[in-house]
Amino acid sequence: MIEAFQYINKAFESKVRLGIMAILMVNEEADFNFLKEQLSLTDGNLASHTRALEELGYIVCNKSFVGRKPRTVFQATPQGREAFKSHIEALEKFLKSK
């Protein structure tokens, strides 16, 4: 049981970060407003969690303009995808160990 814990990634202990990565694992990209709506977050809360994931290299942020409106889009990096898969596998092993 303890062995499974060593592969649990602390970056995904937050349900917000777990949710962001889960959405980005099944979507090629997701914009700020989509993530905010899907996860029922405030602008500031989402911004702080996406920044933390960016600093870890798990997601990238691309900013552009659509007309005069800014658009912020996030994508999971290969490193982020691998880290998330490893985290989920560790959780599954933990749940199966009894």
N, C-alpha and C. Protein backbone atom coordinates (compact mmCIF):
# COMPACT_ATOMS: atom_id res chain seq x y z
N MET A 1 0.82 -1.20 0.00
CA MET A 1 0.00 0.00 0.00
C MET A 1 0.87 1.26 0.00
N ILE A 2 1.90 1.27 0.82
CA ILE A 2 2.78 2.44 0.92
C ILE A 2 3.50 2.68 -0.41
N GLU A 3 3.81 1.62 -1.11
CA GLU A 3 4.49 1.74 -2.40
C GLU A 3 3.68 2.59 -3.38
N ALA A 4 2.37 2.43 -3.39
CA ALA A 4 1.51 3.19 -4.30
C ALA A 4 1.57 4.69 -4.00
N PHE A 5 1.75 5.04 -2.74
CA PHE A 5 1.79 6.46 -2.36
C PHE A 5 2.97 7.21 -2.96
N GLN A 6 4.07 6.54 -3.19
CA GLN A 6 5.25 7.24 -3.68
C GLN A 6 5.06 7.76 -5.10
N TYR A 7 4.08 7.25 -5.83
CA TYR A 7 3.84 7.69 -7.20
C TYR A 7 2.67 8.67 -7.31
N ILE A 8 2.04 8.99 -6.19
CA ILE A 8 0.96 9.97 -6.21
C ILE A 8 1.59 11.36 -6.31
N ASN A 9 1.16 12.12 -7.29
CA ASN A 9 1.75 13.42 -7.58
C ASN A 9 1.04 14.51 -6.76
N LYS A 10 1.78 15.20 -5.92
CA LYS A 10 1.20 16.24 -5.06
C LYS A 10 0.57 17.38 -5.87
N ALA A 11 1.03 17.58 -7.08
CA ALA A 11 0.48 18.65 -7.92
C ALA A 11 -1.00 18.42 -8.21
N PHE A 12 -1.44 17.16 -8.15
CA PHE A 12 -2.82 16.84 -8.47
C PHE A 12 -3.67 16.55 -7.22
N GLU A 13 -3.15 16.87 -6.05
CA GLU A 13 -3.94 16.68 -4.83
C GLU A 13 -5.11 17.65 -4.78
N SER A 14 -4.96 18.80 -5.39
CA SER A 14 -6.04 19.78 -5.46
C SER A 14 -7.07 19.31 -6.46
N LYS A 15 -8.35 19.34 -6.06
CA LYS A 15 -9.39 18.90 -6.99
C LYS A 15 -9.48 19.82 -8.20
N VAL A 16 -9.09 21.08 -8.05
CA VAL A 16 -9.11 22.00 -9.19
C VAL A 16 -8.05 21.59 -10.22
N ARG A 17 -6.85 21.33 -9.77
CA ARG A 17 -5.78 20.93 -10.70
C ARG A 17 -6.08 19.57 -11.32
N LEU A 18 -6.65 18.69 -10.53
CA LEU A 18 -7.07 17.39 -11.05
C LEU A 18 -8.12 17.59 -12.14
N GLY A 19 -9.06 18.48 -11.91
CA GLY A 19 -10.11 18.77 -12.89
C GLY A 19 -9.57 19.41 -14.16
N ILE A 20 -8.65 20.35 -14.00
CA ILE A 20 -8.04 21.01 -15.17
C ILE A 20 -7.36 19.97 -16.04
N MET A 21 -6.54 19.13 -15.41
CA MET A 21 -5.81 18.12 -16.18
C MET A 21 -6.75 17.09 -16.79
N ALA A 22 -7.79 16.70 -16.07
CA ALA A 22 -8.75 15.73 -16.62
C ALA A 22 -9.40 16.28 -17.88
N ILE A 23 -9.77 17.54 -17.86
CA ILE A 23 -10.38 18.17 -19.04
C ILE A 23 -9.38 18.24 -20.18
N LEU A 24 -8.14 18.60 -19.87
CA LEU A 24 -7.13 18.74 -20.92
C LEU A 24 -6.65 17.38 -21.46
N MET A 25 -6.87 16.33 -20.72
CA MET A 25 -6.48 15.00 -21.21
C MET A 25 -7.45 14.51 -22.28
N VAL A 26 -8.69 14.95 -22.23
CA VAL A 26 -9.68 14.47 -23.21
C VAL A 26 -10.01 15.51 -24.28
N ASN A 27 -9.46 16.70 -24.13
CA ASN A 27 -9.62 17.77 -25.12
C ASN A 27 -8.24 18.25 -25.54
N GLU A 28 -8.06 18.49 -26.81
CA GLU A 28 -6.76 18.96 -27.29
C GLU A 28 -6.39 20.29 -26.63
N GLU A 29 -7.41 21.13 -26.42
CA GLU A 29 -7.21 22.40 -25.75
C GLU A 29 -8.52 22.83 -25.10
N ALA A 30 -8.41 23.76 -24.18
CA ALA A 30 -9.61 24.31 -23.54
C ALA A 30 -9.33 25.76 -23.21
N ASP A 31 -10.30 26.62 -23.49
CA ASP A 31 -10.07 28.03 -23.17
C ASP A 31 -10.46 28.33 -21.73
N PHE A 32 -10.02 29.49 -21.28
CA PHE A 32 -10.19 29.91 -19.89
C PHE A 32 -11.65 29.86 -19.46
N ASN A 33 -12.54 30.40 -20.28
CA ASN A 33 -13.95 30.45 -19.90
C ASN A 33 -14.57 29.06 -19.82
N PHE A 34 -14.18 28.16 -20.71
CA PHE A 34 -14.68 26.79 -20.68
C PHE A 34 -14.27 26.12 -19.37
N LEU A 35 -12.99 26.22 -19.01
CA LEU A 35 -12.52 25.63 -17.76
C LEU A 35 -13.23 26.24 -16.56
N LYS A 36 -13.38 27.55 -16.59
CA LYS A 36 -14.04 28.26 -15.49
C LYS A 36 -15.47 27.76 -15.30
N GLU A 37 -16.20 27.61 -16.39
CA GLU A 37 -17.58 27.14 -16.32
C GLU A 37 -17.66 25.68 -15.90
N GLN A 38 -16.85 24.84 -16.49
CA GLN A 38 -16.89 23.41 -16.19
C GLN A 38 -16.54 23.09 -14.74
N LEU A 39 -15.62 23.87 -14.18
CA LEU A 39 -15.15 23.61 -12.83
C LEU A 39 -15.76 24.54 -11.78
N SER A 40 -16.65 25.44 -12.22
CA SER A 40 -17.33 26.40 -11.32
C SER A 40 -16.33 27.18 -10.46
N LEU A 41 -15.41 27.86 -11.15
CA LEU A 41 -14.35 28.59 -10.46
C LEU A 41 -14.46 30.08 -10.72
N THR A 42 -13.81 30.84 -9.86
CA THR A 42 -13.66 32.27 -10.10
C THR A 42 -12.46 32.47 -11.02
N ASP A 43 -12.37 33.65 -11.62
CA ASP A 43 -11.22 33.96 -12.49
C ASP A 43 -9.91 33.79 -11.73
N GLY A 44 -9.84 34.36 -10.54
CA GLY A 44 -8.60 34.32 -9.77
C GLY A 44 -8.20 32.91 -9.36
N ASN A 45 -9.19 32.12 -8.95
CA ASN A 45 -8.90 30.75 -8.54
C ASN A 45 -8.36 29.94 -9.71
N LEU A 46 -9.01 30.03 -10.86
CA LEU A 46 -8.54 29.31 -12.04
C LEU A 46 -7.15 29.80 -12.46
N ALA A 47 -6.95 31.10 -12.44
CA ALA A 47 -5.66 31.66 -12.84
C ALA A 47 -4.53 31.15 -11.95
N SER A 48 -4.75 31.07 -10.66
CA SER A 48 -3.67 30.63 -9.76
C SER A 48 -3.35 29.15 -9.98
N HIS A 49 -4.36 28.32 -10.21
CA HIS A 49 -4.11 26.90 -10.43
C HIS A 49 -3.49 26.63 -11.79
N THR A 50 -3.92 27.34 -12.82
CA THR A 50 -3.29 27.13 -14.13
C THR A 50 -1.84 27.62 -14.11
N ARG A 51 -1.59 28.69 -13.39
CA ARG A 51 -0.21 29.20 -13.28
C ARG A 51 0.68 28.15 -12.60
N ALA A 52 0.18 27.51 -11.56
CA ALA A 52 0.96 26.48 -10.86
C ALA A 52 1.26 25.31 -11.80
N LEU A 53 0.28 24.89 -12.58
CA LEU A 53 0.50 23.80 -13.53
C LEU A 53 1.46 24.20 -14.65
N GLU A 54 1.39 25.47 -15.05
CA GLU A 54 2.33 25.99 -16.06
C GLU A 54 3.76 25.97 -15.53
N GLU A 55 3.94 26.40 -14.29
CA GLU A 55 5.27 26.45 -13.70
C GLU A 55 5.89 25.06 -13.59
N LEU A 56 5.05 24.04 -13.44
CA LEU A 56 5.53 22.67 -13.39
C LEU A 56 5.80 22.10 -14.78
N GLY A 57 5.39 22.83 -15.81
CA GLY A 57 5.56 22.36 -17.18
C GLY A 57 4.50 21.37 -17.62
N TYR A 58 3.39 21.29 -16.88
CA TYR A 58 2.33 20.34 -17.19
C TYR A 58 1.33 20.88 -18.21
N ILE A 59 1.20 22.19 -18.31
CA ILE A 59 0.32 22.79 -19.30
C ILE A 59 1.03 24.00 -19.92
N VAL A 60 0.55 24.40 -21.09
CA VAL A 60 1.03 25.63 -21.72
C VAL A 60 -0.18 26.52 -21.96
N CYS A 61 0.09 27.81 -21.94
CA CYS A 61 -0.95 28.82 -22.11
C CYS A 61 -0.64 29.62 -23.37
N ASN A 62 -1.64 29.76 -24.23
CA ASN A 62 -1.49 30.57 -25.44
C ASN A 62 -2.54 31.67 -25.40
N LYS A 63 -2.08 32.91 -25.52
CA LYS A 63 -3.00 34.05 -25.50
C LYS A 63 -3.07 34.66 -26.89
N SER A 64 -4.29 35.00 -27.28
CA SER A 64 -4.50 35.64 -28.58
C SER A 64 -5.72 36.55 -28.46
N PHE A 65 -6.06 37.18 -29.56
CA PHE A 65 -7.25 38.03 -29.59
C PHE A 65 -8.19 37.51 -30.67
N VAL A 66 -9.46 37.49 -30.35
CA VAL A 66 -10.51 37.18 -31.31
C VAL A 66 -11.30 38.48 -31.43
N GLY A 67 -11.07 39.18 -32.54
CA GLY A 67 -11.60 40.54 -32.64
C GLY A 67 -10.84 41.39 -31.63
N ARG A 68 -11.56 41.98 -30.73
CA ARG A 68 -10.92 42.80 -29.67
C ARG A 68 -10.90 42.09 -28.33
N LYS A 69 -11.42 40.87 -28.29
CA LYS A 69 -11.49 40.15 -27.03
C LYS A 69 -10.30 39.21 -26.87
N PRO A 70 -9.69 39.23 -25.69
CA PRO A 70 -8.58 38.30 -25.45
C PRO A 70 -9.11 36.87 -25.29
N ARG A 71 -8.31 35.92 -25.75
CA ARG A 71 -8.67 34.50 -25.61
C ARG A 71 -7.45 33.76 -25.08
N THR A 72 -7.64 33.08 -23.97
CA THR A 72 -6.57 32.32 -23.34
C THR A 72 -6.91 30.83 -23.48
N VAL A 73 -6.00 30.09 -24.07
CA VAL A 73 -6.21 28.67 -24.33
C VAL A 73 -5.10 27.86 -23.65
N PHE A 74 -5.49 26.75 -23.04
CA PHE A 74 -4.54 25.88 -22.36
C PHE A 74 -4.47 24.53 -23.05
N GLN A 75 -3.28 23.94 -23.03
CA GLN A 75 -3.05 22.60 -23.56
C GLN A 75 -2.15 21.85 -22.59
N ALA A 76 -2.39 20.56 -22.46
CA ALA A 76 -1.51 19.72 -21.65
C ALA A 76 -0.24 19.45 -22.46
N THR A 77 0.89 19.49 -21.80
CA THR A 77 2.17 19.16 -22.44
C THR A 77 2.37 17.64 -22.39
N PRO A 78 3.28 17.12 -23.20
CA PRO A 78 3.59 15.68 -23.09
C PRO A 78 4.02 15.31 -21.66
N GLN A 79 4.80 16.17 -21.04
CA GLN A 79 5.23 15.93 -19.65
C GLN A 79 4.03 15.90 -18.71
N GLY A 80 3.09 16.82 -18.92
CA GLY A 80 1.89 16.87 -18.09
C GLY A 80 1.01 15.65 -18.29
N ARG A 81 0.88 15.21 -19.53
CA ARG A 81 0.08 14.02 -19.83
C ARG A 81 0.68 12.79 -19.14
N GLU A 82 1.98 12.66 -19.21
CA GLU A 82 2.66 11.52 -18.58
C GLU A 82 2.51 11.57 -17.06
N ALA A 83 2.70 12.76 -16.48
CA ALA A 83 2.57 12.91 -15.03
C ALA A 83 1.15 12.57 -14.57
N PHE A 84 0.16 13.01 -15.33
CA PHE A 84 -1.23 12.75 -14.96
C PHE A 84 -1.55 11.26 -15.08
N LYS A 85 -1.10 10.63 -16.16
CA LYS A 85 -1.32 9.18 -16.32
C LYS A 85 -0.68 8.41 -15.17
N SER A 86 0.53 8.77 -14.80
CA SER A 86 1.22 8.10 -13.70
C SER A 86 0.46 8.29 -12.38
N HIS A 87 -0.06 9.48 -12.19
CA HIS A 87 -0.83 9.78 -10.98
C HIS A 87 -2.08 8.91 -10.91
N ILE A 88 -2.82 8.82 -12.00
CA ILE A 88 -4.04 8.02 -12.05
C ILE A 88 -3.71 6.54 -11.83
N GLU A 89 -2.65 6.07 -12.45
CA GLU A 89 -2.23 4.67 -12.26
C GLU A 89 -1.89 4.40 -10.80
N ALA A 90 -1.22 5.35 -10.15
CA ALA A 90 -0.87 5.19 -8.73
C ALA A 90 -2.12 5.15 -7.87
N LEU A 91 -3.09 5.99 -8.18
CA LEU A 91 -4.36 5.97 -7.43
C LEU A 91 -5.08 4.63 -7.61
N GLU A 92 -5.09 4.13 -8.84
CA GLU A 92 -5.73 2.84 -9.10
C GLU A 92 -5.04 1.72 -8.34
N LYS A 93 -3.71 1.71 -8.33
CA LYS A 93 -2.96 0.69 -7.58
C LYS A 93 -3.26 0.78 -6.09
N PHE A 94 -3.33 2.01 -5.59
CA PHE A 94 -3.64 2.21 -4.18
C PHE A 94 -5.03 1.66 -3.85
N LEU A 95 -5.99 1.95 -4.69
CA LEU A 95 -7.35 1.49 -4.44
C LEU A 95 -7.49 -0.03 -4.53
N LYS A 96 -6.67 -0.64 -5.36
CA LYS A 96 -6.74 -2.09 -5.52
C LYS A 96 -5.94 -2.83 -4.45
N SER A 97 -5.00 -2.15 -3.80
CA SER A 97 -4.19 -2.81 -2.77
C SER A 97 -4.98 -2.84 -1.46
N LYS A 98 -5.10 -3.99 -0.93
CA LYS A 98 -5.86 -4.12 0.32
C LYS A 98 -5.32 -5.19 1.19
